[in-house]
Structure formats: C-alpha cells, structure tokens
Amino acid sequence: MRCTRLKFIVIGSALAMSTPVSSFQIVHEVYIGVGAMPWNYEGERDETSATGGRLIAGTLLTDRFGIEAHFGMYGEDKVSLPAKVRIELDSLDGVFLRLNQPLFEYFNVYTLAGFSSVQMIVSPEEAGAEEDAPTASGFSLGAGAEINLGDHYAVGIDYVRYLDEPDFMFQAVTSSLKWRF
C-alpha cells in the first residue's frame, strides 16, 4: 500500500538521520506524535466536517528547520442534503518543510509548507449503491504552536490547509502530543 510504504520511508529516514556519525550529529531532534484532528471537506457536490486522527513523524535538523510527515485517517459524517450520503476520510498523507521559531525556552511557533494527498469516500446510503473516492493532491500550508513539557514531550496545536483545489478543499486543526527522542 502506498500510504504504509510512505510511512516507513519517512520514519526510517528520520531514525537514520538521528544516528550520530562519529562525533557529528546530523539532526537536532526526532519526534513522533498522535493527535485528534477535526477536519473540514468541501467537494464538488458535498461539504462536511468530522473528527479523525493524525500521526506525525518528523525531525528538526536545527532548532529552526525540519521535515515533518502527517498521516491522517478516520472521521465520517452523514450528510442529508441533497441526498443521504456518508462522507469519510480514507487517507491523508503529507510531507512538509517546517520553519520553527523558538520564542521562549519552552514555547515554539512554526509554519509548514509541503505536499499532501487526500482521499475521501463518499457512499450513498441506498442499498447496493456504488462508492465514490474523490482524491486530490497538491501544495499545502499550515501554522502551529507547541509547548515543551520537559525534555521528551510537547503538546501542540496547528492548522493546515492540506488542499485548496476548485472542487476539493480539505483543512484541519489538530491538537497533538509529541514524543521526542
């Protein structure tokens, strides 16, 4: 599966880059996280919002620059107009450059810019109806803030507009817990 392969590549790359080479360390910090992701989707005929989940994997190469990957899933809503349909997030994959700005000892703000792919499932509730899977990919932008809770944990919140195409808009606000190692 494309989603699973991408997850292993990003996580494996982050772990490989965190290994010190002699006395030279390539990265400043490696982290993984999980969070609740309330999202909003506007398609060609449908519009809805629900809450799903998101996994995060990333590495800060310095205290100001890093690479981050997002993997989202779940969340569904039943829309009654114009016809009864079920809209569900099938998958969200994104890779971002992260520009980080430490403001205080335990507080950071950051911006994200990258590329995302989102696949939805739209299912009519009538028996035997065909499922439609609207999919789009493109440029993504976001911003967030996080508070460090000691040396290994951080809590954060971010807003990312994953896609903004003419017939496909997907955005989310995510609160997350990150573990740094």
C-alpha atoms as a PDB file:
ATOM      1  CA  MET A   1       0.000   0.000   0.000  1.00  0.00           C
ATOM      2  CA  ARG A   2       1.205   3.492  -0.909  1.00  0.00           C
ATOM      3  CA  CYS A   3       0.337   5.011   2.499  1.00  0.00           C
ATOM      4  CA  THR A   4       2.149   2.320   4.509  1.00  0.00           C
ATOM      5  CA  ARG A   5       5.262   2.458   2.315  1.00  0.00           C
ATOM      6  CA  LEU A   6       5.462   6.255   2.698  1.00  0.00           C
ATOM      7  CA  LYS A   7       5.150   5.970   6.493  1.00  0.00           C
ATOM      8  CA  PHE A   8       8.044   3.502   6.719  1.00  0.00           C
ATOM      9  CA  ILE A   9      10.242   5.594   4.411  1.00  0.00           C
ATOM     10  CA  VAL A  10       9.698   8.795   6.419  1.00  0.00           C
ATOM     11  CA  ILE A  11      10.089   7.185   9.838  1.00  0.00           C
ATOM     12  CA  GLY A  12      13.118   5.141   8.699  1.00  0.00           C
ATOM     13  CA  SER A  13      14.765   8.235   7.216  1.00  0.00           C
ATOM     14  CA  ALA A  14      14.159  10.223  10.407  1.00  0.00           C
ATOM     15  CA  LEU A  15      15.672   7.463  12.546  1.00  0.00           C
ATOM     16  CA  ALA A  16      18.653   7.036  10.217  1.00  0.00           C
ATOM     17  CA  MET A  17      19.365  10.766  10.234  1.00  0.00           C
ATOM     18  CA  SER A  18      19.288  10.870  14.035  1.00  0.00           C
ATOM     19  CA  THR A  19      22.191   8.416  14.343  1.00  0.00           C
ATOM     20  CA  PRO A  20      25.444  10.212  15.120  1.00  0.00           C
ATOM     21  CA  VAL A  21      28.227   9.774  12.585  1.00  0.00           C
ATOM     22  CA  SER A  22      31.449   9.763  14.625  1.00  0.00           C
ATOM     23  CA  SER A  23      31.130  12.906  16.736  1.00  0.00           C
ATOM     24  CA  PHE A  24      28.964  14.732  14.153  1.00  0.00           C
ATOM     25  CA  GLN A  25      25.207  14.542  14.651  1.00  0.00           C
ATOM     26  CA  ILE A  26      23.067  15.295  11.601  1.00  0.00           C
ATOM     27  CA  VAL A  27      19.851  16.230  13.419  1.00  0.00           C
ATOM     28  CA  HIS A  28      18.853  18.337  16.366  1.00  0.00           C
ATOM     29  CA  GLU A  29      15.735  16.336  17.363  1.00  0.00           C
ATOM     30  CA  VAL A  30      13.497  13.475  16.145  1.00  0.00           C
ATOM     31  CA  TYR A  31       9.853  13.187  17.197  1.00  0.00           C
ATOM     32  CA  ILE A  32       6.652  11.231  16.689  1.00  0.00           C
ATOM     33  CA  GLY A  33       3.176  12.202  17.786  1.00  0.00           C
ATOM     34  CA  VAL A  34      -0.518  11.493  17.713  1.00  0.00           C
ATOM     35  CA  GLY A  35      -3.491  13.808  17.837  1.00  0.00           C
ATOM     36  CA  ALA A  36      -7.188  14.436  17.367  1.00  0.00           C
ATOM     37  CA  MET A  37      -7.896  16.051  14.002  1.00  0.00           C
ATOM     38  CA  PRO A  38     -11.206  17.881  13.447  1.00  0.00           C
ATOM     39  CA  TRP A  39     -11.343  18.313   9.661  1.00  0.00           C
ATOM     40  CA  ASN A  40     -13.480  20.045   7.046  1.00  0.00           C
ATOM     41  CA  TYR A  41     -14.033  18.809   3.488  1.00  0.00           C
ATOM     42  CA  GLU A  42     -15.707  20.590   0.578  1.00  0.00           C
ATOM     43  CA  GLY A  43     -16.106  18.558  -2.597  1.00  0.00           C
ATOM     44  CA  GLU A  44     -17.793  19.076  -5.918  1.00  0.00           C
ATOM     45  CA  ARG A  45     -21.241  18.215  -4.500  1.00  0.00           C
ATOM     46  CA  ASP A  46     -20.622  17.616  -0.802  1.00  0.00           C
ATOM     47  CA  GLU A  47     -19.466  19.530   2.257  1.00  0.00           C
ATOM     48  CA  THR A  48     -18.931  18.143   5.737  1.00  0.00           C
ATOM     49  CA  SER A  49     -16.756  18.098   8.823  1.00  0.00           C
ATOM     50  CA  ALA A  50     -15.846  15.366  11.301  1.00  0.00           C
ATOM     51  CA  THR A  51     -13.054  14.366  13.696  1.00  0.00           C
ATOM     52  CA  GLY A  52     -10.369  11.841  12.834  1.00  0.00           C
ATOM     53  CA  GLY A  53      -6.843  11.079  13.959  1.00  0.00           C
ATOM     54  CA  ARG A  54      -3.392  12.070  12.764  1.00  0.00           C
ATOM     55  CA  LEU A  55       0.066  10.580  13.235  1.00  0.00           C
ATOM     56  CA  ILE A  56       3.137  12.815  12.978  1.00  0.00           C
ATOM     57  CA  ALA A  57       6.777  11.908  12.374  1.00  0.00           C
ATOM     58  CA  GLY A  58       9.493  14.469  11.983  1.00  0.00           C
ATOM     59  CA  THR A  59      12.993  15.660  12.538  1.00  0.00           C
ATOM     60  CA  LEU A  60      14.411  19.079  13.286  1.00  0.00           C
ATOM     61  CA  LEU A  61      17.747  19.400  11.522  1.00  0.00           C
ATOM     62  CA  THR A  62      18.465  22.553  13.542  1.00  0.00           C
ATOM     63  CA  ASP A  63      16.347  24.298  16.172  1.00  0.00           C
ATOM     64  CA  ARG A  64      14.783  26.336  13.295  1.00  0.00           C
ATOM     65  CA  PHE A  65      14.406  23.972  10.306  1.00  0.00           C
ATOM     66  CA  GLY A  66      12.967  20.482   9.924  1.00  0.00           C
ATOM     67  CA  ILE A  67      10.990  17.934   7.930  1.00  0.00           C
ATOM     68  CA  GLU A  68       7.621  16.590   9.082  1.00  0.00           C
ATOM     69  CA  ALA A  69       5.200  13.945   7.775  1.00  0.00           C
ATOM     70  CA  HIS A  70       1.463  13.694   8.533  1.00  0.00           C
ATOM     71  CA  PHE A  71      -0.725  10.595   8.238  1.00  0.00           C
ATOM     72  CA  GLY A  72      -4.431  11.156   8.849  1.00  0.00           C
ATOM     73  CA  MET A  73      -7.384   8.801   8.899  1.00  0.00           C
ATOM     74  CA  TYR A  74     -10.919   8.252  10.151  1.00  0.00           C
ATOM     75  CA  GLY A  75     -13.810  10.527  10.791  1.00  0.00           C
ATOM     76  CA  GLU A  76     -17.122  10.341   8.984  1.00  0.00           C
ATOM     77  CA  ASP A  77     -20.344  12.284   8.736  1.00  0.00           C
ATOM     78  CA  LYS A  78     -23.768  11.677   7.247  1.00  0.00           C
ATOM     79  CA  VAL A  79     -24.959  14.499   5.042  1.00  0.00           C
ATOM     80  CA  SER A  80     -28.699  14.664   4.394  1.00  0.00           C
ATOM     81  CA  LEU A  81     -28.794  17.267   1.621  1.00  0.00           C
ATOM     82  CA  PRO A  82     -29.256  16.869  -1.336  1.00  0.00           C
ATOM     83  CA  ALA A  83     -29.272  13.071  -0.839  1.00  0.00           C
ATOM     84  CA  LYS A  84     -28.290  10.965   2.157  1.00  0.00           C
ATOM     85  CA  VAL A  85     -24.604  10.144   1.834  1.00  0.00           C
ATOM     86  CA  ARG A  86     -21.812   9.066   4.155  1.00  0.00           C
ATOM     87  CA  ILE A  87     -18.541  11.005   3.753  1.00  0.00           C
ATOM     88  CA  GLU A  88     -15.412   9.534   5.302  1.00  0.00           C
ATOM     89  CA  LEU A  89     -11.690  10.370   5.314  1.00  0.00           C
ATOM     90  CA  ASP A  90      -9.920   7.365   3.808  1.00  0.00           C
ATOM     91  CA  SER A  91      -6.344   8.660   3.958  1.00  0.00           C
ATOM     92  CA  LEU A  92      -4.251  11.792   4.337  1.00  0.00           C
ATOM     93  CA  ASP A  93      -0.518  11.772   3.571  1.00  0.00           C
ATOM     94  CA  GLY A  94       1.637  14.885   3.683  1.00  0.00           C
ATOM     95  CA  VAL A  95       5.316  15.817   3.733  1.00  0.00           C
ATOM     96  CA  PHE A  96       6.323  19.301   4.913  1.00  0.00           C
ATOM     97  CA  LEU A  97       9.262  21.576   5.465  1.00  0.00           C
ATOM     98  CA  ARG A  98       8.978  23.041   8.952  1.00  0.00           C
ATOM     99  CA  LEU A  99      10.276  26.511   9.791  1.00  0.00           C
ATOM    100  CA  ASN A 100      10.467  26.658  13.576  1.00  0.00           C
ATOM    101  CA  GLN A 101      10.831  29.778  15.725  1.00  0.00           C
ATOM    102  CA  PRO A 102      11.628  29.260  19.424  1.00  0.00           C
ATOM    103  CA  LEU A 103      10.077  32.194  21.309  1.00  0.00           C
ATOM    104  CA  PHE A 104      10.777  31.234  24.894  1.00  0.00           C
ATOM    105  CA  GLU A 105      12.596  28.339  26.494  1.00  0.00           C
ATOM    106  CA  TYR A 106       9.525  26.085  26.327  1.00  0.00           C
ATOM    107  CA  PHE A 107       7.418  27.629  23.525  1.00  0.00           C
ATOM    108  CA  ASN A 108       7.770  27.360  19.721  1.00  0.00           C
ATOM    109  CA  VAL A 109       5.736  28.625  16.779  1.00  0.00           C
ATOM    110  CA  TYR A 110       6.162  27.163  13.310  1.00  0.00           C
ATOM    111  CA  THR A 111       4.980  27.203   9.712  1.00  0.00           C
ATOM    112  CA  LEU A 112       4.585  24.218   7.427  1.00  0.00           C
ATOM    113  CA  ALA A 113       4.822  24.124   3.627  1.00  0.00           C
ATOM    114  CA  GLY A 114       4.693  20.940   1.597  1.00  0.00           C
ATOM    115  CA  PHE A 115       2.761  18.477  -0.492  1.00  0.00           C
ATOM    116  CA  SER A 116      -0.304  16.404   0.517  1.00  0.00           C
ATOM    117  CA  SER A 117      -2.572  13.739  -0.908  1.00  0.00           C
ATOM    118  CA  VAL A 118      -6.108  13.240   0.442  1.00  0.00           C
ATOM    119  CA  GLN A 119      -8.609  10.507  -0.427  1.00  0.00           C
ATOM    120  CA  MET A 120     -12.236  10.617   0.693  1.00  0.00           C
ATOM    121  CA  ILE A 121     -15.009   8.012   0.492  1.00  0.00           C
ATOM    122  CA  VAL A 122     -18.496   9.197  -0.451  1.00  0.00           C
ATOM    123  CA  SER A 123     -21.120   6.458  -0.116  1.00  0.00           C
ATOM    124  CA  PRO A 124     -24.838   6.818  -0.797  1.00  0.00           C
ATOM    125  CA  GLU A 125     -26.848   5.141   1.936  1.00  0.00           C
ATOM    126  CA  GLU A 126     -29.043   3.295  -0.547  1.00  0.00           C
ATOM    127  CA  ALA A 127     -28.506  -0.461  -0.630  1.00  0.00           C
ATOM    128  CA  GLY A 128     -26.158  -1.561  -3.399  1.00  0.00           C
ATOM    129  CA  ALA A 129     -25.012   1.955  -4.334  1.00  0.00           C
ATOM    130  CA  GLU A 130     -21.511   2.412  -5.753  1.00  0.00           C
ATOM    131  CA  GLU A 131     -18.849   4.160  -3.616  1.00  0.00           C
ATOM    132  CA  ASP A 132     -17.038   7.191  -4.991  1.00  0.00           C
ATOM    133  CA  ALA A 133     -13.497   8.040  -3.866  1.00  0.00           C
ATOM    134  CA  PRO A 134     -12.673  11.704  -4.531  1.00  0.00           C
ATOM    135  CA  THR A 135      -8.894  12.138  -4.430  1.00  0.00           C
ATOM    136  CA  ALA A 136      -6.674  15.178  -4.793  1.00  0.00           C
ATOM    137  CA  SER A 137      -3.070  16.128  -4.153  1.00  0.00           C
ATOM    138  CA  GLY A 138      -1.196  19.377  -4.168  1.00  0.00           C
ATOM    139  CA  PHE A 139       0.537  22.165  -2.249  1.00  0.00           C
ATOM    140  CA  SER A 140      -0.220  22.547   1.491  1.00  0.00           C
ATOM    141  CA  LEU A 141       0.364  25.320   4.041  1.00  0.00           C
ATOM    142  CA  GLY A 142      -0.027  25.447   7.800  1.00  0.00           C
ATOM    143  CA  ALA A 143       0.992  27.075  11.070  1.00  0.00           C
ATOM    144  CA  GLY A 144       1.141  25.939  14.662  1.00  0.00           C
ATOM    145  CA  ALA A 145       2.461  26.359  18.170  1.00  0.00           C
ATOM    146  CA  GLU A 146       3.777  23.927  20.768  1.00  0.00           C
ATOM    147  CA  ILE A 147       4.740  23.926  24.413  1.00  0.00           C
ATOM    148  CA  ASN A 148       7.613  21.697  25.541  1.00  0.00           C
ATOM    149  CA  LEU A 149       6.838  19.592  28.612  1.00  0.00           C
ATOM    150  CA  GLY A 150      10.330  18.755  29.742  1.00  0.00           C
ATOM    151  CA  ASP A 151      12.957  17.055  27.606  1.00  0.00           C
ATOM    152  CA  HIS A 152      10.851  14.395  25.873  1.00  0.00           C
ATOM    153  CA  TYR A 153       7.269  15.634  25.436  1.00  0.00           C
ATOM    154  CA  ALA A 154       5.429  18.528  23.825  1.00  0.00           C
ATOM    155  CA  VAL A 155       1.784  19.436  23.255  1.00  0.00           C
ATOM    156  CA  GLY A 156       0.792  21.454  20.254  1.00  0.00           C
ATOM    157  CA  ILE A 157      -1.967  22.737  18.043  1.00  0.00           C
ATOM    158  CA  ASP A 158      -1.797  23.501  14.340  1.00  0.00           C
ATOM    159  CA  TYR A 159      -3.958  24.476  11.401  1.00  0.00           C
ATOM    160  CA  VAL A 160      -3.134  23.019   7.978  1.00  0.00           C
ATOM    161  CA  ARG A 161      -4.907  23.704   4.704  1.00  0.00           C
ATOM    162  CA  TYR A 162      -3.947  20.415   3.100  1.00  0.00           C
ATOM    163  CA  LEU A 163      -5.652  21.091  -0.236  1.00  0.00           C
ATOM    164  CA  ASP A 164      -7.465  24.002  -1.832  1.00  0.00           C
ATOM    165  CA  GLU A 165      -8.423  22.899  -5.343  1.00  0.00           C
ATOM    166  CA  PRO A 166     -11.513  24.157  -7.260  1.00  0.00           C
ATOM    167  CA  ASP A 167     -13.615  21.041  -6.416  1.00  0.00           C
ATOM    168  CA  PHE A 168     -11.657  19.700  -3.429  1.00  0.00           C
ATOM    169  CA  MET A 169     -10.813  21.592  -0.235  1.00  0.00           C
ATOM    170  CA  PHE A 170      -9.555  19.822   2.894  1.00  0.00           C
ATOM    171  CA  GLN A 171      -8.359  21.574   6.067  1.00  0.00           C
ATOM    172  CA  ALA A 172      -7.820  20.508   9.665  1.00  0.00           C
ATOM    173  CA  VAL A 173      -6.977  21.806  13.130  1.00  0.00           C
ATOM    174  CA  THR A 174      -5.057  19.242  15.159  1.00  0.00           C
ATOM    175  CA  SER A 175      -4.121  19.094  18.814  1.00  0.00           C
ATOM    176  CA  SER A 176      -1.341  16.609  19.416  1.00  0.00           C
ATOM    177  CA  LEU A 177       1.061  15.065  21.903  1.00  0.00           C
ATOM    178  CA  LYS A 178       4.634  14.603  20.635  1.00  0.00           C
ATOM    179  CA  TRP A 179       7.390  12.418  21.995  1.00  0.00           C
ATOM    180  CA  ARG A 180      10.988  13.446  21.233  1.00  0.00           C
ATOM    181  CA  PHE A 181      13.907  11.022  21.281  1.00  0.00           C
END
